[in-house]
Amino acid sequence: MARQPKDSTNAQDAPVSSEAKSKRRARDPETVPEATKSESPKPFVERLVERKSVRDWEDEARRHPTLLIRKTLRSGQNVRFYGNVVVLGDVNPGAEITAGGDIIVMGWLRGLAHAGAEGDERAMVSAFRLNPTQLRIAHLIARSPDAGEATMPDVPEIAEIREGQLVIDRWQNSVLGSLVR
């Protein structure tokens, strides 16, 4: 019987290569599988920008598989994946995402997010509205400020590790934002 990652969503919503499927089947669904380690010290996005051919892009995608979730994650739903996770919807309070790579939410992130679960300090978390109950990248943990302590910016944000600190910044001010200008 093929095992799927522990995920209350239907992980088959997105097309997945046969290589990624075989890797997924070989993993224990109760733990986050080992993240793919990159040989390059450059961040993932910078390596993508340097790609010169379609084959280079395909090779990079194979080393960093991505799970695409096309719905809102509700309270009590958990997603665990050894690569990157992209959510086309919201992540509500009580929902959890644990990823070996990056987490990108095309909506509100109000649940728990743990990127770089296997210790990848180059991982990042990005959302249109970033207000998680708890945010983790590698071994660093942050929580949302108490009500009234901080104002929510009305812009997409990105959380990443800079100089050993977990930093949340506007998307435009990040390395990712500077690459697409």
C-alpha atoms as a PDB file:
ATOM      1  CA  MET A   1       0.000   0.000   0.000  1.00  0.00           C
ATOM      2  CA  ALA A   2       1.415   3.386  -0.972  1.00  0.00           C
ATOM      3  CA  ARG A   3       1.861   5.821   1.886  1.00  0.00           C
ATOM      4  CA  GLN A   4       1.101   9.496   1.388  1.00  0.00           C
ATOM      5  CA  PRO A   5       2.462  12.415   3.440  1.00  0.00           C
ATOM      6  CA  LYS A   6       0.339  13.163   6.495  1.00  0.00           C
ATOM      7  CA  ASP A   7      -1.984  15.715   5.018  1.00  0.00           C
ATOM      8  CA  SER A   8      -5.642  16.263   5.584  1.00  0.00           C
ATOM      9  CA  THR A   9      -5.821  17.705   2.076  1.00  0.00           C
ATOM     10  CA  ASN A  10      -5.783  15.645  -1.071  1.00  0.00           C
ATOM     11  CA  ALA A  11      -2.081  15.634  -1.998  1.00  0.00           C
ATOM     12  CA  GLN A  12      -3.044  14.461  -5.457  1.00  0.00           C
ATOM     13  CA  ASP A  13      -4.574  17.856  -6.357  1.00  0.00           C
ATOM     14  CA  ALA A  14      -1.327  18.817  -8.059  1.00  0.00           C
ATOM     15  CA  PRO A  15       0.570  16.909 -10.721  1.00  0.00           C
ATOM     16  CA  VAL A  16       3.624  15.190  -9.245  1.00  0.00           C
ATOM     17  CA  SER A  17       6.468  13.507 -11.084  1.00  0.00           C
ATOM     18  CA  SER A  18       6.858   9.748 -10.738  1.00  0.00           C
ATOM     19  CA  GLU A  19      10.212  10.314  -9.014  1.00  0.00           C
ATOM     20  CA  ALA A  20       8.572  12.564  -6.409  1.00  0.00           C
ATOM     21  CA  LYS A  21       5.774  10.008  -5.929  1.00  0.00           C
ATOM     22  CA  SER A  22       8.257   7.212  -5.271  1.00  0.00           C
ATOM     23  CA  LYS A  23      10.128   9.392  -2.767  1.00  0.00           C
ATOM     24  CA  ARG A  24       6.821  10.281  -1.089  1.00  0.00           C
ATOM     25  CA  ARG A  25       5.796   6.613  -0.824  1.00  0.00           C
ATOM     26  CA  ALA A  26       9.078   5.686   0.822  1.00  0.00           C
ATOM     27  CA  ARG A  27       8.622   8.212   3.622  1.00  0.00           C
ATOM     28  CA  ASP A  28       7.021   7.737   7.026  1.00  0.00           C
ATOM     29  CA  PRO A  29       3.890   9.934   7.075  1.00  0.00           C
ATOM     30  CA  GLU A  30       4.263  10.716  10.786  1.00  0.00           C
ATOM     31  CA  THR A  31       7.582  12.523  10.412  1.00  0.00           C
ATOM     32  CA  VAL A  32       8.889  15.195   8.124  1.00  0.00           C
ATOM     33  CA  PRO A  33      11.181  13.455   5.671  1.00  0.00           C
ATOM     34  CA  GLU A  34      14.737  14.591   5.235  1.00  0.00           C
ATOM     35  CA  ALA A  35      14.952  17.817   3.274  1.00  0.00           C
ATOM     36  CA  THR A  36      16.952  17.767   0.083  1.00  0.00           C
ATOM     37  CA  LYS A  37      20.324  19.339   0.764  1.00  0.00           C
ATOM     38  CA  SER A  38      21.674  21.633  -1.910  1.00  0.00           C
ATOM     39  CA  GLU A  39      25.312  21.628  -2.938  1.00  0.00           C
ATOM     40  CA  SER A  40      25.189  25.350  -3.671  1.00  0.00           C
ATOM     41  CA  PRO A  41      25.521  27.895  -0.848  1.00  0.00           C
ATOM     42  CA  LYS A  42      23.281  30.365  -2.742  1.00  0.00           C
ATOM     43  CA  PRO A  43      19.601  30.744  -1.828  1.00  0.00           C
ATOM     44  CA  PHE A  44      17.113  28.741  -3.881  1.00  0.00           C
ATOM     45  CA  VAL A  45      15.662  31.773  -5.661  1.00  0.00           C
ATOM     46  CA  GLU A  46      19.083  33.041  -6.760  1.00  0.00           C
ATOM     47  CA  ARG A  47      19.915  29.607  -8.183  1.00  0.00           C
ATOM     48  CA  LEU A  48      16.633  29.615 -10.118  1.00  0.00           C
ATOM     49  CA  VAL A  49      17.366  33.018 -11.653  1.00  0.00           C
ATOM     50  CA  GLU A  50      20.766  31.778 -12.879  1.00  0.00           C
ATOM     51  CA  ARG A  51      19.246  28.863 -14.825  1.00  0.00           C
ATOM     52  CA  LYS A  52      19.973  29.100 -18.535  1.00  0.00           C
ATOM     53  CA  SER A  53      17.920  26.287 -20.049  1.00  0.00           C
ATOM     54  CA  VAL A  54      14.714  24.368 -19.478  1.00  0.00           C
ATOM     55  CA  ARG A  55      16.788  21.343 -18.454  1.00  0.00           C
ATOM     56  CA  ASP A  56      18.444  23.375 -15.685  1.00  0.00           C
ATOM     57  CA  TRP A  57      14.989  24.369 -14.406  1.00  0.00           C
ATOM     58  CA  GLU A  58      13.826  20.744 -14.496  1.00  0.00           C
ATOM     59  CA  ASP A  59      16.901  19.582 -12.557  1.00  0.00           C
ATOM     60  CA  GLU A  60      16.320  22.235  -9.888  1.00  0.00           C
ATOM     61  CA  ALA A  61      12.645  21.264  -9.607  1.00  0.00           C
ATOM     62  CA  ARG A  62      13.581  17.580  -9.124  1.00  0.00           C
ATOM     63  CA  ARG A  63      15.935  18.451  -6.275  1.00  0.00           C
ATOM     64  CA  HIS A  64      13.270  20.646  -4.627  1.00  0.00           C
ATOM     65  CA  PRO A  65       9.853  18.970  -5.026  1.00  0.00           C
ATOM     66  CA  THR A  66       6.834  21.149  -4.328  1.00  0.00           C
ATOM     67  CA  LEU A  67       3.411  20.220  -2.982  1.00  0.00           C
ATOM     68  CA  LEU A  68       0.619  22.454  -4.315  1.00  0.00           C
ATOM     69  CA  ILE A  69      -2.510  22.688  -2.162  1.00  0.00           C
ATOM     70  CA  ARG A  70      -5.488  24.293  -3.896  1.00  0.00           C
ATOM     71  CA  LYS A  71      -7.740  25.029  -0.927  1.00  0.00           C
ATOM     72  CA  THR A  72      -7.914  26.692   2.461  1.00  0.00           C
ATOM     73  CA  LEU A  73      -6.491  24.708   5.382  1.00  0.00           C
ATOM     74  CA  ARG A  74      -8.894  24.623   8.321  1.00  0.00           C
ATOM     75  CA  SER A  75      -8.276  24.192  12.038  1.00  0.00           C
ATOM     76  CA  GLY A  76      -7.032  20.680  12.823  1.00  0.00           C
ATOM     77  CA  GLN A  77      -5.607  20.025   9.355  1.00  0.00           C
ATOM     78  CA  ASN A  78      -1.884  19.207   9.205  1.00  0.00           C
ATOM     79  CA  VAL A  79       0.399  19.129   6.181  1.00  0.00           C
ATOM     80  CA  ARG A  80       3.862  17.557   6.376  1.00  0.00           C
ATOM     81  CA  PHE A  81       6.060  17.471   3.272  1.00  0.00           C
ATOM     82  CA  TYR A  82       9.792  17.017   2.692  1.00  0.00           C
ATOM     83  CA  GLY A  83      10.010  19.746   0.018  1.00  0.00           C
ATOM     84  CA  ASN A  84       8.372  23.123  -0.547  1.00  0.00           C
ATOM     85  CA  VAL A  85       4.670  23.742   0.151  1.00  0.00           C
ATOM     86  CA  VAL A  86       2.530  26.248  -1.768  1.00  0.00           C
ATOM     87  CA  VAL A  87      -1.027  26.935  -0.582  1.00  0.00           C
ATOM     88  CA  LEU A  88      -3.506  28.600  -2.952  1.00  0.00           C
ATOM     89  CA  GLY A  89      -5.829  29.704  -0.171  1.00  0.00           C
ATOM     90  CA  ASP A  90      -5.622  30.587   3.513  1.00  0.00           C
ATOM     91  CA  VAL A  91      -4.107  28.749   6.472  1.00  0.00           C
ATOM     92  CA  ASN A  92      -6.541  29.280   9.340  1.00  0.00           C
ATOM     93  CA  PRO A  93      -5.677  29.262  13.069  1.00  0.00           C
ATOM     94  CA  GLY A  94      -5.251  25.679  14.269  1.00  0.00           C
ATOM     95  CA  ALA A  95      -3.938  24.433  10.899  1.00  0.00           C
ATOM     96  CA  GLU A  96      -0.263  23.438  10.641  1.00  0.00           C
ATOM     97  CA  ILE A  97       2.243  23.225   7.795  1.00  0.00           C
ATOM     98  CA  THR A  98       5.630  21.575   8.272  1.00  0.00           C
ATOM     99  CA  ALA A  99       7.960  21.635   5.270  1.00  0.00           C
ATOM    100  CA  GLY A 100      11.548  20.621   4.656  1.00  0.00           C
ATOM    101  CA  GLY A 101      11.826  23.618   2.312  1.00  0.00           C
ATOM    102  CA  ASP A 102       9.943  26.880   1.799  1.00  0.00           C
ATOM    103  CA  ILE A 103       6.295  27.674   2.573  1.00  0.00           C
ATOM    104  CA  ILE A 104       4.371  30.081   0.349  1.00  0.00           C
ATOM    105  CA  VAL A 105       0.753  30.969   1.121  1.00  0.00           C
ATOM    106  CA  MET A 106      -1.254  32.832  -1.503  1.00  0.00           C
ATOM    107  CA  GLY A 107      -3.646  34.152   1.134  1.00  0.00           C
ATOM    108  CA  TRP A 108      -3.701  34.643   4.919  1.00  0.00           C
ATOM    109  CA  LEU A 109      -1.293  32.628   7.082  1.00  0.00           C
ATOM    110  CA  ARG A 110      -2.855  32.495  10.554  1.00  0.00           C
ATOM    111  CA  GLY A 111      -1.918  28.959  11.605  1.00  0.00           C
ATOM    112  CA  LEU A 112       1.435  27.374  12.475  1.00  0.00           C
ATOM    113  CA  ALA A 113       4.176  27.308   9.824  1.00  0.00           C
ATOM    114  CA  HIS A 114       7.507  25.458  10.134  1.00  0.00           C
ATOM    115  CA  ALA A 115       9.805  25.852   7.122  1.00  0.00           C
ATOM    116  CA  GLY A 116      13.231  24.210   6.915  1.00  0.00           C
ATOM    117  CA  ALA A 117      12.074  21.541   9.357  1.00  0.00           C
ATOM    118  CA  GLU A 118      15.270  19.532   8.903  1.00  0.00           C
ATOM    119  CA  GLY A 119      17.429  22.516   9.856  1.00  0.00           C
ATOM    120  CA  ASP A 120      17.612  24.387   6.525  1.00  0.00           C
ATOM    121  CA  GLU A 121      18.270  27.985   7.595  1.00  0.00           C
ATOM    122  CA  ARG A 122      17.884  29.170   3.978  1.00  0.00           C
ATOM    123  CA  ALA A 123      14.172  28.290   4.025  1.00  0.00           C
ATOM    124  CA  MET A 124      11.586  31.058   4.059  1.00  0.00           C
ATOM    125  CA  VAL A 125       7.894  31.607   4.741  1.00  0.00           C
ATOM    126  CA  SER A 126       5.930  34.045   2.612  1.00  0.00           C
ATOM    127  CA  ALA A 127       2.259  35.030   2.551  1.00  0.00           C
ATOM    128  CA  PHE A 128      -0.029  37.763   1.277  1.00  0.00           C
ATOM    129  CA  ARG A 129      -0.914  38.369   4.941  1.00  0.00           C
ATOM    130  CA  LEU A 130       1.520  36.919   7.479  1.00  0.00           C
ATOM    131  CA  ASN A 131      -0.034  36.561  10.943  1.00  0.00           C
ATOM    132  CA  PRO A 132       0.851  33.032  12.152  1.00  0.00           C
ATOM    133  CA  THR A 133       0.118  31.748  15.631  1.00  0.00           C
ATOM    134  CA  GLN A 134       3.660  30.370  15.557  1.00  0.00           C
ATOM    135  CA  LEU A 135       6.391  30.695  12.945  1.00  0.00           C
ATOM    136  CA  ARG A 136       9.448  28.433  12.776  1.00  0.00           C
ATOM    137  CA  ILE A 137      12.346  28.402  10.373  1.00  0.00           C
ATOM    138  CA  ALA A 138      14.901  25.664  11.036  1.00  0.00           C
ATOM    139  CA  HIS A 139      15.496  25.838  14.818  1.00  0.00           C
ATOM    140  CA  LEU A 140      14.262  29.424  15.373  1.00  0.00           C
ATOM    141  CA  ILE A 141      10.744  30.043  16.705  1.00  0.00           C
ATOM    142  CA  ALA A 142       8.614  33.207  16.823  1.00  0.00           C
ATOM    143  CA  ARG A 143       5.002  33.817  17.784  1.00  0.00           C
ATOM    144  CA  SER A 144       2.476  36.484  16.882  1.00  0.00           C
ATOM    145  CA  PRO A 145       2.394  39.572  19.067  1.00  0.00           C
ATOM    146  CA  ASP A 146      -0.527  39.860  21.471  1.00  0.00           C
ATOM    147  CA  ALA A 147      -3.597  41.710  20.239  1.00  0.00           C
ATOM    148  CA  GLY A 148      -2.946  45.440  20.011  1.00  0.00           C
ATOM    149  CA  GLU A 149       0.861  45.137  20.266  1.00  0.00           C
ATOM    150  CA  ALA A 150       1.559  45.444  16.552  1.00  0.00           C
ATOM    151  CA  THR A 151      -0.212  46.583  13.436  1.00  0.00           C
ATOM    152  CA  MET A 152      -0.567  44.270  10.465  1.00  0.00           C
ATOM    153  CA  PRO A 153       0.906  45.679   7.268  1.00  0.00           C
ATOM    154  CA  ASP A 154      -1.355  45.521   4.249  1.00  0.00           C
ATOM    155  CA  VAL A 155       1.380  44.074   2.012  1.00  0.00           C
ATOM    156  CA  PRO A 156       2.818  40.609   1.309  1.00  0.00           C
ATOM    157  CA  GLU A 157       5.578  39.656   3.743  1.00  0.00           C
ATOM    158  CA  ILE A 158       8.419  37.180   3.928  1.00  0.00           C
ATOM    159  CA  ALA A 159      10.068  35.614   6.971  1.00  0.00           C
ATOM    160  CA  GLU A 160      13.657  34.431   6.702  1.00  0.00           C
ATOM    161  CA  ILE A 161      16.788  34.045   8.792  1.00  0.00           C
ATOM    162  CA  ARG A 162      19.284  36.897   8.544  1.00  0.00           C
ATOM    163  CA  GLU A 163      22.437  36.942  10.665  1.00  0.00           C
ATOM    164  CA  GLY A 164      21.016  34.285  12.980  1.00  0.00           C
ATOM    165  CA  GLN A 165      17.740  36.155  13.609  1.00  0.00           C
ATOM    166  CA  LEU A 166      14.254  35.370  12.338  1.00  0.00           C
ATOM    167  CA  VAL A 167      13.257  38.505  10.410  1.00  0.00           C
ATOM    168  CA  ILE A 168       9.876  39.405   8.907  1.00  0.00           C
ATOM    169  CA  ASP A 169      10.022  42.014   6.176  1.00  0.00           C
ATOM    170  CA  ARG A 170       7.957  43.341   3.305  1.00  0.00           C
ATOM    171  CA  TRP A 171       8.259  41.107   0.272  1.00  0.00           C
ATOM    172  CA  GLN A 172       9.721  43.981  -1.797  1.00  0.00           C
ATOM    173  CA  ASN A 173      12.598  44.439   0.698  1.00  0.00           C
ATOM    174  CA  SER A 174      13.661  40.782   0.610  1.00  0.00           C
ATOM    175  CA  VAL A 175      16.247  39.030  -1.560  1.00  0.00           C
ATOM    176  CA  LEU A 176      13.323  37.514  -3.463  1.00  0.00           C
ATOM    177  CA  GLY A 177      11.793  40.926  -4.178  1.00  0.00           C
ATOM    178  CA  SER A 178      15.092  42.395  -5.367  1.00  0.00           C
ATOM    179  CA  LEU A 179      15.587  39.572  -7.883  1.00  0.00           C
ATOM    180  CA  VAL A 180      12.338  40.234  -9.742  1.00  0.00           C
ATOM    181  CA  ARG A 181      12.708  44.000 -10.108  1.00  0.00           C
END
